[in-house]
């Protein structure tokens, strides 16, 4: 994992002694999705690797709940537009729970996601920090050196700040407003500003009534919290962007070193040219991702690629590939050091708590459906396959994995993968040639060894092409119609090999 080692090497070089503080962060403005989790999982992997090198590291997530509510997401009632302009911590919860705010409601999903993904992180609330005066030194420094602030922003961003620009936002009647700054009174901890009518008003900046503009707020956090490492999305990494201006403000205003930058690219849904967006409904939530895939597979999906590579998530066909790839990595006997490291950070340092078995995902999916989603019967089916030994050794893991498979089948599996054994068979749905084919197949199956494998059964079916007077394609479609009431399905020979032989013969003879 060259990308991870380079970051940690740089961190250690910058800070040869002492604890390391890693900060991630964001606004609880809507549902947290897999795209958001790239930042947190990356920060967690850095922390794990530092710990692996005997360095103590801590990961914090700064919750920007004092940010303005700017857009009503698709999964929030449209009448919430009346709260636009309020701080997220002052907007009511979408579920009507008066004991929590809008910010609380969505942050809860992130906290649950982090717990499920084995991400060790401490959550820090912006609103609390501003209310208890934590930001007072940064507000004072910023306003005392306003000429330096303006020069840094204009020089680095390459744009002139108009007369409407203000370094602060002021709470007016519950709404955050950008207002022109007039004067700072450090003794009283108040500022003077102009309201919309040009009147000069005074308010305290020690209790959350005043918030720094975003371009100042971010480096202020670095300075106050003493942040050493900062992952952030590529939208902040462009030349003259918010990270670059933050670096200059750290130098000119806060007189401190900026954190090590760790920019990363977005995660898109497969086929989408834009990054995931919960507000637009073009994302899979982190909690839903955890329902359909074990935590180590989600972490593997994110951590296996360099941070500058855009990731594409496919909840339909990609899940099968990811599950099998991760299982192959975990089962590989002679792993390289890079593979061992990837497995370590993918499991959150908990290699002994895997929830992915060594049985191929596609086999589990088919067996689970063929057993009518019965765990015990699924294991019995697998024991009749070439993976019989693993069915015993990985039985507990398989049972747990079936929970993810059940959710995936319900929410995202493609239709050509989903099936269920037909409860009844309608004799009138088949012509004479099809009936003859099934009778011939039943007789042949009655005489084949009980331990014949899928390849052998495929050959048994194919040998009937002349005597049945059906084309091969029609033989297989007839078989699927009789078993699962569909024209196609799993590999026929293998599928027959996992079905109870007595039940199968009765079905082909129209006795079941």
Protein backbone atom coordinates (compact mmCIF):
# COMPACT_ATOMS: atom_id res chain seq x y z
CA UNK A 1 0.00 0.00 0.00
CA UNK A 2 2.37 2.61 -1.30
CA UNK A 3 -0.07 5.52 -0.91
CA UNK A 4 -0.69 4.79 2.79
CA UNK A 5 2.98 4.24 3.59
CA UNK A 6 3.93 7.53 1.94
CA UNK A 7 1.41 9.46 4.03
CA UNK A 8 2.54 7.83 7.26
CA UNK A 9 6.21 8.29 6.35
CA UNK A 10 5.53 12.00 5.82
CA UNK A 11 3.64 12.29 9.10
CA UNK A 12 6.44 10.61 11.06
CA UNK A 13 9.04 12.80 9.37
CA UNK A 14 7.08 15.95 10.27
CA UNK A 15 6.39 14.79 13.82
CA UNK A 16 9.16 12.46 15.00
CA UNK A 17 7.83 12.61 18.56
CA UNK A 18 4.50 12.96 20.33
CA UNK A 19 0.90 12.05 19.58
CA UNK A 20 -0.62 12.59 16.13
CA UNK A 21 -4.02 14.22 15.65
CA UNK A 22 -5.96 13.37 12.47
CA UNK A 23 -9.04 15.42 11.63
CA UNK A 24 -11.89 14.61 9.27
CA UNK A 25 -15.10 16.59 9.15
CA UNK A 26 -18.23 17.71 7.41
CA UNK A 27 -21.72 19.16 7.73
CA UNK A 28 -24.62 16.94 8.90
CA UNK A 29 -26.74 18.40 6.10
CA UNK A 30 -28.25 15.10 4.95
CA UNK A 31 -27.79 11.35 4.81
CA UNK A 32 -24.17 10.24 5.00
CA UNK A 33 -23.29 8.02 2.04
CA UNK A 34 -20.36 5.83 0.98
CA UNK A 35 -18.66 8.83 -0.58
CA UNK A 36 -18.46 10.49 2.83
CA UNK A 37 -16.98 7.33 4.32
CA UNK A 38 -13.86 7.53 2.12
CA UNK A 39 -12.57 10.36 4.30
CA UNK A 40 -13.28 8.62 7.60
CA UNK A 41 -11.97 5.22 6.50
CA UNK A 42 -8.83 6.85 5.10
CA UNK A 43 -8.24 8.69 8.38
CA UNK A 44 -8.80 5.45 10.29
CA UNK A 45 -6.29 3.58 8.11
CA UNK A 46 -3.67 6.28 8.73
CA UNK A 47 -4.29 5.99 12.45
CA UNK A 48 -4.00 2.19 12.34
CA UNK A 49 -0.72 2.31 10.44
CA UNK A 50 0.71 4.89 12.85
CA UNK A 51 -0.29 2.66 15.75
CA UNK A 52 1.35 -0.25 13.94
CA UNK A 53 4.56 1.79 13.99
CA UNK A 54 4.27 2.36 17.73
CA UNK A 55 2.99 5.94 17.34
CA UNK A 56 -0.07 7.06 19.24
CA UNK A 57 -2.68 8.63 16.97
CA UNK A 58 -6.14 10.04 17.52
CA UNK A 59 -8.87 10.59 14.92
CA UNK A 60 -11.48 13.30 15.43
CA UNK A 61 -14.44 14.20 13.23
CA UNK A 62 -15.42 17.88 13.36
CA UNK A 63 -19.19 18.15 12.93
CA UNK A 64 -20.01 21.46 11.22
CA UNK A 65 -23.47 21.62 12.79
CA UNK A 66 -23.31 25.40 13.00
CA UNK A 67 -23.23 25.53 9.19
CA UNK A 68 -26.18 27.06 7.37
CA UNK A 69 -29.00 24.83 6.09
CA UNK A 70 -28.64 25.54 2.35
CA UNK A 71 -30.66 22.90 0.50
CA UNK A 72 -33.57 20.57 1.26
CA UNK A 73 -32.54 16.97 0.39
CA UNK A 74 -34.89 14.69 -1.54
CA UNK A 75 -35.60 12.60 1.58
CA UNK A 76 -36.64 15.61 3.70
CA UNK A 77 -40.13 17.22 3.47
CA UNK A 78 -40.15 20.14 1.02
CA UNK A 79 -41.73 22.42 3.64
CA UNK A 80 -38.34 22.45 5.39
CA UNK A 81 -37.37 25.20 2.94
CA UNK A 82 -38.69 27.65 5.57
CA UNK A 83 -35.63 26.77 7.68
CA UNK A 84 -33.10 27.61 4.96
CA UNK A 85 -30.52 29.96 6.43
CA UNK A 86 -30.71 28.56 9.95
CA UNK A 87 -27.82 26.66 11.50
CA UNK A 88 -28.24 22.91 11.13
CA UNK A 89 -28.23 22.55 14.92
CA UNK A 90 -31.28 24.87 15.08
CA UNK A 91 -33.37 23.12 12.41
CA UNK A 92 -35.95 20.60 13.69
CA UNK A 93 -35.44 16.89 13.14
CA UNK A 94 -37.08 15.57 9.94
CA UNK A 95 -38.73 12.76 11.91
CA UNK A 96 -40.57 15.17 14.22
CA UNK A 97 -38.61 14.14 17.32
CA UNK A 98 -38.49 17.34 19.39
CA UNK A 99 -35.64 16.01 21.53
CA UNK A 100 -33.18 16.22 18.64
CA UNK A 101 -32.20 18.62 15.88
CA UNK A 102 -31.77 18.15 12.15
CA UNK A 103 -28.02 17.82 12.78
CA UNK A 104 -28.58 15.21 15.52
CA UNK A 105 -30.85 13.18 13.24
CA UNK A 106 -28.35 12.80 10.42
CA UNK A 107 -25.27 12.59 12.63
CA UNK A 108 -26.81 9.57 14.33
CA UNK A 109 -26.56 7.65 11.05
CA UNK A 110 -22.88 8.56 10.71
CA UNK A 111 -22.11 7.47 14.27
CA UNK A 112 -23.85 4.13 13.68
CA UNK A 113 -21.97 3.69 10.40
CA UNK A 114 -18.62 4.34 12.05
CA UNK A 115 -19.39 1.86 14.79
CA UNK A 116 -20.36 -0.79 12.24
CA UNK A 117 -17.24 -0.09 10.13
CA UNK A 118 -14.89 -0.32 13.15
CA UNK A 119 -13.82 3.31 12.75
CA UNK A 120 -12.40 4.66 15.99
CA UNK A 121 -13.23 8.35 16.03
CA UNK A 122 -14.27 11.10 18.44
CA UNK A 123 -17.01 13.48 17.30
CA UNK A 124 -16.60 17.19 18.09
CA UNK A 125 -19.52 19.58 17.56
CA UNK A 126 -18.88 23.01 16.09
CA UNK A 127 -21.88 24.49 17.85
CA UNK A 128 -20.60 23.38 21.25
CA UNK A 129 -17.12 24.74 20.57
CA UNK A 130 -18.41 28.16 19.53
CA UNK A 131 -20.87 28.31 22.44
CA UNK A 132 -18.26 27.55 25.09
CA UNK A 133 -15.80 30.14 23.77
CA UNK A 134 -13.30 27.73 22.27
CA UNK A 135 -13.10 29.80 19.06
CA UNK A 136 -12.61 33.15 20.86
CA UNK A 137 -8.81 33.29 20.30
CA UNK A 138 -9.24 32.48 16.59
CA UNK A 139 -12.01 35.07 16.15
CA UNK A 140 -9.86 37.71 17.80
CA UNK A 141 -6.77 36.87 15.76
CA UNK A 142 -8.75 36.87 12.52
CA UNK A 143 -10.42 40.22 13.17
CA UNK A 144 -7.27 41.87 14.54
CA UNK A 145 -5.37 40.89 11.38
CA UNK A 146 -8.14 41.52 8.90
CA UNK A 147 -5.82 43.15 6.37
CA UNK A 148 -3.63 40.04 6.38
CA UNK A 149 -6.70 37.83 6.05
CA UNK A 150 -7.98 39.76 3.04
CA UNK A 151 -4.56 39.83 1.41
CA UNK A 152 -4.06 36.08 1.90
CA UNK A 153 -7.48 35.23 0.46
CA UNK A 154 -7.09 37.53 -2.53
CA UNK A 155 -3.50 36.52 -3.28
CA UNK A 156 -4.02 32.75 -3.08
CA UNK A 157 -7.51 32.56 -4.60
CA UNK A 158 -6.64 35.02 -7.35
CA UNK A 159 -9.86 36.98 -6.94
CA UNK A 160 -10.70 40.33 -5.42
CA UNK A 161 -13.00 40.32 -2.40
CA UNK A 162 -15.86 42.71 -2.94
CA UNK A 163 -17.23 45.13 -0.42
CA UNK A 164 -19.93 42.60 0.48
CA UNK A 165 -17.36 40.09 1.78
CA UNK A 166 -17.29 39.60 5.52
CA UNK A 167 -15.07 37.44 7.73
CA UNK A 168 -18.01 36.62 9.99
CA UNK A 169 -21.56 35.34 10.10
CA UNK A 170 -23.91 36.67 12.76
CA UNK A 171 -26.94 34.99 14.29
CA UNK A 172 -29.96 37.25 13.74
CA UNK A 173 -33.32 35.94 14.95
CA UNK A 174 -32.13 32.35 14.58
CA UNK A 175 -30.66 32.78 11.08
CA UNK A 176 -26.96 33.07 10.23
CA UNK A 177 -26.31 36.20 8.16
CA UNK A 178 -23.12 37.50 6.56
CA UNK A 179 -22.80 41.02 7.92
CA UNK A 180 -20.13 43.71 7.48
CA UNK A 181 -17.72 43.76 10.43
CA UNK A 182 -17.14 47.16 12.09
CA UNK A 183 -15.23 46.83 15.34
CA UNK A 184 -13.78 44.36 17.88
CA UNK A 185 -13.97 44.83 21.67
CA UNK A 186 -11.73 42.20 23.28
CA UNK A 187 -12.53 43.41 26.81
CA UNK A 188 -16.27 42.80 26.49
CA UNK A 189 -15.87 39.97 23.95
CA UNK A 190 -18.21 41.72 21.55
CA UNK A 191 -18.14 42.88 17.95
CA UNK A 192 -19.95 45.65 16.16
CA UNK A 193 -21.46 44.98 12.74
CA UNK A 194 -23.98 46.45 10.31
CA UNK A 195 -27.38 44.85 9.88
CA UNK A 196 -29.28 44.74 6.59
CA UNK A 197 -30.55 48.29 7.14
CA UNK A 198 -27.05 49.64 7.77
CA UNK A 199 -27.60 50.05 11.50
CA UNK A 200 -24.63 49.32 13.75
CA UNK A 201 -25.36 46.57 16.28
CA UNK A 202 -23.30 44.80 18.93
CA UNK A 203 -23.21 41.11 19.82
CA UNK A 204 -21.03 38.71 21.80
CA UNK A 205 -18.61 36.45 19.98
CA UNK A 206 -17.97 34.24 23.03
CA UNK A 207 -21.22 32.25 23.02
CA UNK A 208 -21.89 31.10 19.48
CA UNK A 209 -23.60 34.23 18.14
CA UNK A 210 -20.70 34.87 15.74
CA UNK A 211 -19.15 32.29 13.40
CA UNK A 212 -16.06 32.66 11.25
CA UNK A 213 -16.45 32.45 7.49
CA UNK A 214 -15.60 28.94 6.18
CA UNK A 215 -12.24 29.98 4.72
CA UNK A 216 -11.23 31.19 8.20
CA UNK A 217 -13.06 28.58 10.24
CA UNK A 218 -11.10 25.65 8.77
CA UNK A 219 -7.56 26.92 9.53
CA UNK A 220 -8.82 28.22 12.89
CA UNK A 221 -9.64 24.62 13.79
CA UNK A 222 -6.21 23.44 12.68
CA UNK A 223 -4.62 26.04 14.94
CA UNK A 224 -6.85 25.60 17.99
CA UNK A 225 -6.99 21.80 17.89
CA UNK A 226 -3.36 21.39 16.74
CA UNK A 227 -4.33 19.17 13.81
CA UNK A 228 -1.45 17.22 12.23
CA UNK A 229 -3.18 15.38 9.36
CA UNK A 230 -6.22 16.50 7.34
CA UNK A 231 -7.93 14.35 4.66
CA UNK A 232 -10.26 16.34 2.42
CA UNK A 233 -12.11 16.03 -0.88
CA UNK A 234 -10.58 17.12 -4.15
CA UNK A 235 -13.00 20.08 -4.37
CA UNK A 236 -10.89 21.73 -1.65
CA UNK A 237 -7.59 20.73 -3.26
CA UNK A 238 -7.68 22.86 -6.41
CA UNK A 239 -5.11 25.63 -6.81
CA UNK A 240 -6.30 28.64 -4.83
CA UNK A 241 -8.92 26.51 -3.08
CA UNK A 242 -9.82 26.42 0.59
CA UNK A 243 -6.83 24.27 1.60
CA UNK A 244 -4.36 26.62 -0.09
CA UNK A 245 -5.92 29.70 1.51
CA UNK A 246 -5.96 27.88 4.84
CA UNK A 247 -2.22 27.27 4.55
CA UNK A 248 -1.55 30.96 3.93
CA UNK A 249 -3.80 32.00 6.81
CA UNK A 250 -1.98 29.59 9.12
CA UNK A 251 1.29 31.29 8.14
CA UNK A 252 0.17 34.94 8.17
CA UNK A 253 -2.52 35.03 10.87
CA UNK A 254 -2.22 32.03 13.16
CA UNK A 255 1.58 31.74 12.81
CA UNK A 256 1.56 27.94 12.84
CA UNK A 257 2.21 25.05 10.47
CA UNK A 258 -0.72 23.61 8.50
CA UNK A 259 -1.60 19.91 8.76
CA UNK A 260 -0.30 17.38 6.27
CA UNK A 261 -2.74 17.48 3.33
CA UNK A 262 -4.39 14.19 2.32
CA UNK A 263 -6.63 14.94 -0.68
CA UNK A 264 -8.81 12.19 -2.13
CA UNK A 265 -11.06 11.79 -5.15
CA UNK A 266 -14.78 11.07 -5.02
CA UNK A 267 -16.84 7.89 -5.06
CA UNK A 268 -19.44 7.79 -7.83
CA UNK A 269 -22.24 5.36 -8.46
CA UNK A 270 -21.26 3.26 -11.47
CA UNK A 271 -22.29 4.98 -14.69
CA UNK A 272 -22.58 8.38 -13.00
CA UNK A 273 -20.21 11.18 -14.01
CA UNK A 274 -20.76 13.09 -10.78
CA UNK A 275 -19.92 12.16 -7.22
CA UNK A 276 -22.54 10.70 -4.91
CA UNK A 277 -25.08 13.22 -3.63
CA UNK A 278 -27.52 12.39 -0.87
CA UNK A 279 -29.45 15.63 -1.45
CA UNK A 280 -30.09 14.64 -5.07
CA UNK A 281 -30.75 10.97 -4.30
CA UNK A 282 -27.74 9.79 -6.35
CA UNK A 283 -26.02 7.84 -3.60
CA UNK A 284 -26.17 4.73 -1.49
CA UNK A 285 -26.25 5.56 2.18
CA UNK A 286 -23.48 4.32 4.43
CA UNK A 287 -26.02 2.39 6.51
CA UNK A 288 -27.47 0.69 3.43
CA UNK A 289 -23.97 -0.21 2.27
CA UNK A 290 -23.35 -1.88 5.61
CA UNK A 291 -26.56 -3.86 5.20
CA UNK A 292 -25.49 -5.44 1.90
CA UNK A 293 -21.75 -5.84 2.52
CA UNK A 294 -19.66 -6.70 5.58
CA UNK A 295 -17.65 -3.79 7.01
CA UNK A 296 -14.28 -5.20 5.94
CA UNK A 297 -15.44 -5.42 2.31
CA UNK A 298 -16.52 -1.75 2.29
CA UNK A 299 -13.18 -0.78 3.81
CA UNK A 300 -11.38 -2.97 1.26
CA UNK A 301 -13.27 -1.31 -1.61
CA UNK A 302 -12.12 2.12 -0.43
CA UNK A 303 -8.57 1.34 0.74
CA UNK A 304 -7.30 -0.89 -2.08
CA UNK A 305 -6.91 2.07 -4.49
CA UNK A 306 -4.71 5.19 -4.33
CA UNK A 307 -6.50 8.28 -3.05
CA UNK A 308 -6.19 10.15 -6.35
CA UNK A 309 -8.22 7.45 -8.12
CA UNK A 310 -11.95 7.98 -8.49
CA UNK A 311 -13.96 5.01 -7.27
CA UNK A 312 -17.15 3.66 -8.81
CA UNK A 313 -19.54 1.63 -6.70
CA UNK A 314 -21.84 -0.90 -8.33
CA UNK A 315 -24.44 -2.18 -5.82
CA UNK A 316 -25.84 -4.62 -8.37
CA UNK A 317 -23.03 -6.57 -10.02
CA UNK A 318 -20.04 -5.11 -8.18
CA UNK A 319 -20.95 -6.60 -4.82
CA UNK A 320 -20.38 -10.17 -6.06
CA UNK A 321 -16.93 -9.28 -7.37
CA UNK A 322 -15.95 -7.39 -4.22
CA UNK A 323 -17.03 -10.20 -1.92
CA UNK A 324 -15.15 -12.83 -3.89
CA UNK A 325 -12.03 -10.64 -4.24
CA UNK A 326 -11.89 -9.99 -0.53
CA UNK A 327 -12.49 -13.67 0.30
CA UNK A 328 -9.64 -14.62 -2.04
CA UNK A 329 -7.32 -12.11 -0.36
CA UNK A 330 -8.22 -13.35 3.12
CA UNK A 331 -7.71 -17.00 2.12
CA UNK A 332 -4.46 -16.45 0.21
CA UNK A 333 -1.74 -18.50 1.98
CA UNK A 334 1.35 -16.49 1.03
CA UNK A 335 0.35 -12.84 1.18
CA UNK A 336 2.81 -10.11 0.29
CA UNK A 337 3.53 -7.45 2.91
CA UNK A 338 1.29 -5.05 0.99
CA UNK A 339 -1.56 -7.59 0.96
CA UNK A 340 -1.14 -8.21 4.67
CA UNK A 341 -1.28 -4.49 5.30
CA UNK A 342 -4.40 -4.09 3.14
CA UNK A 343 -6.11 -6.91 5.00
CA UNK A 344 -5.10 -5.38 8.35
CA UNK A 345 -6.53 -1.92 7.63
CA UNK A 346 -9.57 -3.39 5.85
CA UNK A 347 -10.52 -5.34 8.96
CA UNK A 348 -9.78 -2.40 11.23
CA UNK A 349 -6.94 -4.38 12.75
CA UNK A 350 -9.34 -7.22 13.63
CA UNK A 351 -8.31 -10.03 11.27
CA UNK A 352 -9.93 -12.64 13.49
CA UNK A 353 -13.45 -11.19 13.13
CA UNK A 354 -14.11 -11.70 9.43
CA UNK A 355 -17.64 -11.99 8.12
CA UNK A 356 -16.72 -13.24 4.64
CA UNK A 357 -16.34 -17.00 4.17
CA UNK A 358 -14.13 -18.88 1.73
CA UNK A 359 -17.18 -20.17 -0.15
CA UNK A 360 -17.78 -18.24 -3.43
CA UNK A 361 -20.42 -15.54 -3.06
CA UNK A 362 -22.32 -16.75 -6.13
CA UNK A 363 -22.60 -20.24 -4.64
CA UNK A 364 -23.94 -18.83 -1.38
CA UNK A 365 -26.48 -16.69 -3.23
CA UNK A 366 -27.79 -19.62 -5.26
CA UNK A 367 -27.74 -22.08 -2.37
CA UNK A 368 -29.54 -19.64 -0.09
CA UNK A 369 -32.34 -19.16 -2.59
CA UNK A 370 -32.51 -22.86 -3.49
CA UNK A 371 -33.00 -23.61 0.22
CA UNK A 372 -35.84 -21.07 0.39
CA UNK A 373 -33.55 -18.81 2.46
CA UNK A 374 -33.15 -21.31 5.26
CA UNK A 375 -29.69 -21.09 6.90
CA UNK A 376 -29.49 -24.76 7.93
CA UNK A 377 -30.62 -26.00 4.54
CA UNK A 378 -28.17 -23.61 2.84
CA UNK A 379 -25.31 -25.22 4.75
CA UNK A 380 -26.63 -28.68 3.83
CA UNK A 381 -26.61 -27.71 0.15
CA UNK A 382 -23.05 -26.42 0.32
CA UNK A 383 -21.98 -29.63 2.04
CA UNK A 384 -23.07 -31.48 -1.10
CA UNK A 385 -20.70 -29.37 -3.20
CA UNK A 386 -16.93 -29.26 -3.56
CA UNK A 387 -16.90 -26.78 -0.68
CA UNK A 388 -18.19 -29.33 1.84
CA UNK A 389 -15.15 -28.99 4.10
CA UNK A 390 -15.40 -25.20 4.15
CA UNK A 391 -19.10 -25.43 4.98
CA UNK A 392 -18.09 -27.03 8.27
CA UNK A 393 -15.06 -24.87 8.99
CA UNK A 394 -16.73 -21.56 8.06
CA UNK A 395 -20.28 -22.35 9.17
CA UNK A 396 -20.53 -19.48 11.67
CA UNK A 397 -19.11 -17.01 9.14
CA UNK A 398 -21.48 -18.29 6.44
CA UNK A 399 -24.51 -17.80 8.68
CA UNK A 400 -23.47 -14.21 9.29
CA UNK A 401 -22.72 -13.64 5.60
CA UNK A 402 -26.20 -14.80 4.65
CA UNK A 403 -27.64 -11.74 6.41
CA UNK A 404 -25.82 -9.48 3.94
CA UNK A 405 -26.87 -11.70 1.05
CA UNK A 406 -30.49 -11.49 2.13
CA UNK A 407 -30.36 -7.67 2.17
CA UNK A 408 -28.55 -7.58 -1.17
CA UNK A 409 -31.13 -9.86 -2.79
CA UNK A 410 -33.90 -7.67 -1.42
CA UNK A 411 -32.43 -4.30 -2.41
CA UNK A 412 -29.92 -4.55 -5.26
CA UNK A 413 -29.46 -8.00 -6.79
CA UNK A 414 -30.13 -8.16 -10.56
CA UNK A 415 -33.29 -9.94 -11.62
CA UNK A 416 -31.39 -12.66 -13.50
CA UNK A 417 -29.73 -13.67 -10.20
CA UNK A 418 -32.86 -13.72 -8.07
CA UNK A 419 -35.10 -16.76 -8.03
CA UNK A 420 -37.12 -19.04 -5.79
CA UNK A 421 -38.11 -22.65 -6.30
CA UNK A 422 -41.57 -22.83 -7.80
CA UNK A 423 -44.10 -24.16 -5.31
CA UNK A 424 -46.12 -25.90 -7.99
CA UNK A 425 -45.70 -26.90 -11.62
CA UNK A 426 -48.45 -26.47 -14.19
CA UNK A 427 -48.61 -29.47 -16.54
CA UNK A 428 -50.45 -27.41 -19.14
CA UNK A 429 -47.52 -24.97 -19.45
CA UNK A 430 -45.38 -27.56 -21.25
CA UNK A 431 -45.77 -29.18 -24.69
CA UNK A 432 -45.31 -32.89 -25.38
CA UNK A 433 -41.64 -32.56 -26.35
CA UNK A 434 -40.86 -30.69 -23.13
CA UNK A 435 -42.72 -33.26 -21.04
CA UNK A 436 -40.84 -36.06 -22.76
CA UNK A 437 -37.52 -34.32 -22.11
CA UNK A 438 -38.24 -33.96 -18.39
CA UNK A 439 -39.37 -37.58 -18.09
CA UNK A 440 -36.17 -38.77 -19.81
CA UNK A 441 -34.05 -36.56 -17.55
CA UNK A 442 -35.81 -37.84 -14.44
CA UNK A 443 -35.09 -41.44 -15.47
CA UNK A 444 -31.41 -40.68 -16.12
CA UNK A 445 -31.04 -38.82 -12.82
CA UNK A 446 -32.59 -41.78 -11.02
CA UNK A 447 -29.67 -43.91 -12.26
CA UNK A 448 -26.78 -41.46 -11.78
CA UNK A 449 -24.49 -41.70 -8.73
CA UNK A 450 -25.65 -39.47 -5.85
CA UNK A 451 -22.24 -37.77 -5.67
CA UNK A 452 -22.08 -36.73 -9.35
CA UNK A 453 -20.85 -33.15 -9.70
CA UNK A 454 -22.28 -30.23 -11.66
CA UNK A 455 -20.15 -30.88 -14.74
CA UNK A 456 -21.37 -34.47 -14.86
CA UNK A 457 -25.00 -33.41 -14.55
CA UNK A 458 -24.54 -30.83 -17.29
CA UNK A 459 -23.36 -33.65 -19.56
CA UNK A 460 -26.35 -35.77 -18.56
CA UNK A 461 -28.69 -32.99 -19.70
CA UNK A 462 -26.82 -32.41 -22.93
CA UNK A 463 -26.89 -36.11 -23.88
CA UNK A 464 -30.69 -35.84 -24.20
CA UNK A 465 -30.59 -33.37 -27.09
CA UNK A 466 -31.31 -36.04 -29.71
CA UNK A 467 -33.78 -38.24 -27.87
CA UNK A 468 -35.82 -35.30 -26.57
CA UNK A 469 -36.11 -33.59 -29.96
CA UNK A 470 -35.43 -30.22 -28.28
CA UNK A 471 -32.70 -27.77 -29.11
CA UNK A 472 -30.18 -27.35 -26.24
CA UNK A 473 -31.39 -23.82 -25.51
CA UNK A 474 -34.98 -25.04 -25.17
CA UNK A 475 -33.92 -27.95 -22.95
CA UNK A 476 -32.36 -25.58 -20.45
CA UNK A 477 -35.20 -23.05 -20.59
CA UNK A 478 -37.69 -25.91 -19.99
CA UNK A 479 -35.69 -27.03 -16.98
CA UNK A 480 -35.59 -23.53 -15.48
CA UNK A 481 -39.30 -23.07 -16.08
CA UNK A 482 -40.05 -26.28 -14.21
CA UNK A 483 -37.76 -25.47 -11.28
CA UNK A 484 -37.95 -21.71 -10.76
CA UNK A 485 -40.64 -20.55 -13.20
CA UNK A 486 -38.12 -18.49 -15.22
CA UNK A 487 -36.55 -18.98 -18.64
CA UNK A 488 -32.99 -18.76 -17.29
CA UNK A 489 -31.15 -19.23 -14.03
CA UNK A 490 -27.96 -20.54 -12.39
CA UNK A 491 -25.61 -22.90 -14.25
CA UNK A 492 -27.91 -25.85 -14.85
CA UNK A 493 -25.68 -28.82 -14.03
CA UNK A 494 -24.31 -27.21 -10.89
CA UNK A 495 -27.80 -26.07 -9.87
CA UNK A 496 -29.17 -29.61 -10.17
CA UNK A 497 -26.25 -30.91 -8.10
CA UNK A 498 -27.24 -28.83 -5.07
CA UNK A 499 -30.94 -29.73 -5.17
CA UNK A 500 -32.26 -32.71 -3.20
CA UNK A 501 -32.29 -35.59 -5.71
CA UNK A 502 -35.63 -37.07 -4.63
CA UNK A 503 -37.36 -33.69 -4.82
CA UNK A 504 -35.82 -32.99 -8.23
CA UNK A 505 -36.93 -36.29 -9.77
CA UNK A 506 -40.48 -35.83 -8.45
CA UNK A 507 -40.63 -32.33 -9.87
CA UNK A 508 -39.50 -33.51 -13.32
CA UNK A 509 -42.17 -36.21 -13.22
CA UNK A 510 -44.83 -33.67 -12.18
CA UNK A 511 -45.22 -35.39 -8.86
CA UNK A 512 -44.02 -32.40 -6.77
